[in-house]
Every structure is written in C-alpha cells, then in structure tokens.
Amino acid sequence: MSSNPSTLPTSSCYTLQVQKGRRYLLCTCGLSSKKPLCNGAHAGTGRLPDFHTAETTGTLDVCYCARSSKAPLCDRSCSASSNT
C-alpha cells in the first residue's frame, strides 16, 4: 500500500485514488503543488483545507473550477457550462 495517493488531472478537477476509512486533507486554496492534497500553501490566505474521510475505496473528484455546489468535491458543473 502506498503512502502517496496518485492524482490524475482532469480539466478543472483532480481525480484522487482513495481508500475507505482513510482521511485526506484536500486543498481548497488552489495553491498547493500537490493538488488535490494540501501542502500548507494556504498559509496567510484565510483559506483552510477540507478534511475528507473516504466512505469507499475508489476515486474522488476534487473541484477547482469554483462552480461546484459540492465544493471541494466536483459535481461536473464545469463540464455542463463548457458548451456556452
């Protein structure tokens, strides 16, 4: 089992491989060099990371388009509005 989850950039969201019951610190400021995981780059921005505990093993989409109603999780709002 790896201690570093893999990330795959997908448009304005990142897909994170997660394991059930494991807690993840998600970046909400967009400044992390380890997106979608927090690396502390938010210091001084007034933003705080989001703590997320995986309910299942699989993938988790983390949004950076600022349109998701489930932020920081992606609801694909960016995909729906890209046809305008």
C-alpha atoms as a PDB file:
ATOM      1  CA  MET A   1       0.000   0.000   0.000  1.00  0.00           C
ATOM      2  CA  SER A   2       1.454   3.371  -0.998  1.00  0.00           C
ATOM      3  CA  SER A   3       1.509   6.305   1.389  1.00  0.00           C
ATOM      4  CA  ASN A   4       1.181   8.764  -1.510  1.00  0.00           C
ATOM      5  CA  PRO A   5      -2.134   8.658  -3.404  1.00  0.00           C
ATOM      6  CA  SER A   6      -1.884   9.079  -7.155  1.00  0.00           C
ATOM      7  CA  THR A   7      -3.573  12.015  -8.854  1.00  0.00           C
ATOM      8  CA  LEU A   8      -4.732  12.382 -12.419  1.00  0.00           C
ATOM      9  CA  PRO A   9      -5.557  15.921 -13.611  1.00  0.00           C
ATOM     10  CA  THR A  10      -8.892  16.066 -15.449  1.00  0.00           C
ATOM     11  CA  SER A  11      -9.876  19.529 -16.766  1.00  0.00           C
ATOM     12  CA  SER A  12     -10.540  21.716 -13.723  1.00  0.00           C
ATOM     13  CA  CYS A  13     -10.795  18.842 -11.281  1.00  0.00           C
ATOM     14  CA  TYR A  14      -8.387  16.237  -9.996  1.00  0.00           C
ATOM     15  CA  THR A  15      -9.243  12.582  -9.521  1.00  0.00           C
ATOM     16  CA  LEU A  16      -7.781  11.165  -6.335  1.00  0.00           C
ATOM     17  CA  GLN A  17      -7.474   7.450  -5.595  1.00  0.00           C
ATOM     18  CA  VAL A  18      -8.756   6.940  -2.021  1.00  0.00           C
ATOM     19  CA  GLN A  19      -9.024   4.099   0.462  1.00  0.00           C
ATOM     20  CA  LYS A  20     -12.090   3.529   2.632  1.00  0.00           C
ATOM     21  CA  GLY A  21     -11.718   4.988   6.112  1.00  0.00           C
ATOM     22  CA  ARG A  22      -8.570   6.959   5.297  1.00  0.00           C
ATOM     23  CA  ARG A  23      -8.605  10.691   5.998  1.00  0.00           C
ATOM     24  CA  TYR A  24      -7.419  13.150   3.331  1.00  0.00           C
ATOM     25  CA  LEU A  25      -6.565  16.839   3.637  1.00  0.00           C
ATOM     26  CA  LEU A  26      -7.889  18.472   0.432  1.00  0.00           C
ATOM     27  CA  CYS A  27      -6.560  21.757  -0.915  1.00  0.00           C
ATOM     28  CA  THR A  28      -9.224  24.480  -1.127  1.00  0.00           C
ATOM     29  CA  CYS A  29      -6.990  27.459  -1.996  1.00  0.00           C
ATOM     30  CA  GLY A  30      -5.682  26.146  -5.335  1.00  0.00           C
ATOM     31  CA  LEU A  31      -2.070  26.984  -4.424  1.00  0.00           C
ATOM     32  CA  SER A  32      -0.846  23.538  -3.414  1.00  0.00           C
ATOM     33  CA  SER A  33       1.859  21.990  -5.563  1.00  0.00           C
ATOM     34  CA  LYS A  34       0.404  18.610  -4.517  1.00  0.00           C
ATOM     35  CA  LYS A  35      -3.193  19.239  -5.643  1.00  0.00           C
ATOM     36  CA  PRO A  36      -5.672  17.954  -4.772  1.00  0.00           C
ATOM     37  CA  LEU A  37      -3.883  17.396  -1.470  1.00  0.00           C
ATOM     38  CA  CYS A  38      -2.981  20.283   0.828  1.00  0.00           C
ATOM     39  CA  ASN A  39       0.687  21.127   1.308  1.00  0.00           C
ATOM     40  CA  GLY A  40       0.204  24.175   3.554  1.00  0.00           C
ATOM     41  CA  ALA A  41       0.467  26.745   0.741  1.00  0.00           C
ATOM     42  CA  HIS A  42      -2.773  28.338   2.015  1.00  0.00           C
ATOM     43  CA  ALA A  43      -0.896  29.988   4.913  1.00  0.00           C
ATOM     44  CA  GLY A  44      -1.865  33.646   5.025  1.00  0.00           C
ATOM     45  CA  THR A  45      -4.751  33.316   2.549  1.00  0.00           C
ATOM     46  CA  GLY A  46      -7.529  32.891   5.108  1.00  0.00           C
ATOM     47  CA  ARG A  47      -8.450  29.572   3.477  1.00  0.00           C
ATOM     48  CA  LEU A  48      -8.314  26.248   5.281  1.00  0.00           C
ATOM     49  CA  PRO A  49      -8.029  22.745   3.845  1.00  0.00           C
ATOM     50  CA  ASP A  50     -11.011  20.395   3.831  1.00  0.00           C
ATOM     51  CA  PHE A  51     -10.766  17.189   5.857  1.00  0.00           C
ATOM     52  CA  HIS A  52     -12.360  14.300   3.977  1.00  0.00           C
ATOM     53  CA  THR A  53     -12.723  10.710   5.157  1.00  0.00           C
ATOM     54  CA  ALA A  54     -13.267   8.290   2.275  1.00  0.00           C
ATOM     55  CA  GLU A  55     -16.515   6.345   2.621  1.00  0.00           C
ATOM     56  CA  THR A  56     -15.436   3.806  -0.003  1.00  0.00           C
ATOM     57  CA  THR A  57     -12.266   2.726  -1.787  1.00  0.00           C
ATOM     58  CA  GLY A  58     -12.165   4.188  -5.283  1.00  0.00           C
ATOM     59  CA  THR A  59     -11.910   7.642  -6.793  1.00  0.00           C
ATOM     60  CA  LEU A  60     -12.810  11.080  -5.518  1.00  0.00           C
ATOM     61  CA  ASP A  61     -13.078  14.103  -7.836  1.00  0.00           C
ATOM     62  CA  VAL A  62     -11.851  17.358  -6.293  1.00  0.00           C
ATOM     63  CA  CYS A  63     -13.033  20.571  -7.987  1.00  0.00           C
ATOM     64  CA  TYR A  64     -11.044  23.712  -8.819  1.00  0.00           C
ATOM     65  CA  CYS A  65     -13.486  25.479 -11.171  1.00  0.00           C
ATOM     66  CA  ALA A  66     -15.318  27.168  -8.245  1.00  0.00           C
ATOM     67  CA  ARG A  67     -18.724  26.252  -9.731  1.00  0.00           C
ATOM     68  CA  SER A  68     -19.415  23.014  -7.848  1.00  0.00           C
ATOM     69  CA  SER A  69     -22.293  23.036  -5.377  1.00  0.00           C
ATOM     70  CA  LYS A  70     -20.464  20.228  -3.539  1.00  0.00           C
ATOM     71  CA  ALA A  71     -17.085  22.012  -3.231  1.00  0.00           C
ATOM     72  CA  PRO A  72     -14.410  20.948  -2.761  1.00  0.00           C
ATOM     73  CA  LEU A  73     -15.873  17.847  -4.438  1.00  0.00           C
ATOM     74  CA  CYS A  74     -16.650  18.074  -8.148  1.00  0.00           C
ATOM     75  CA  ASP A  75     -20.240  17.885  -9.413  1.00  0.00           C
ATOM     76  CA  ARG A  76     -19.183  18.388 -13.084  1.00  0.00           C
ATOM     77  CA  SER A  77     -20.653  21.916 -13.241  1.00  0.00           C
ATOM     78  CA  CYS A  78     -17.640  22.937 -15.319  1.00  0.00           C
ATOM     79  CA  SER A  79     -18.468  20.280 -17.923  1.00  0.00           C
ATOM     80  CA  ALA A  80     -22.102  21.358 -18.171  1.00  0.00           C
ATOM     81  CA  SER A  81     -21.247  25.036 -18.649  1.00  0.00           C
ATOM     82  CA  SER A  82     -18.419  24.488 -21.162  1.00  0.00           C
ATOM     83  CA  ASN A  83     -20.935  24.369 -24.015  1.00  0.00           C
ATOM     84  CA  THR A  84     -21.859  28.036 -23.669  1.00  0.00           C
END
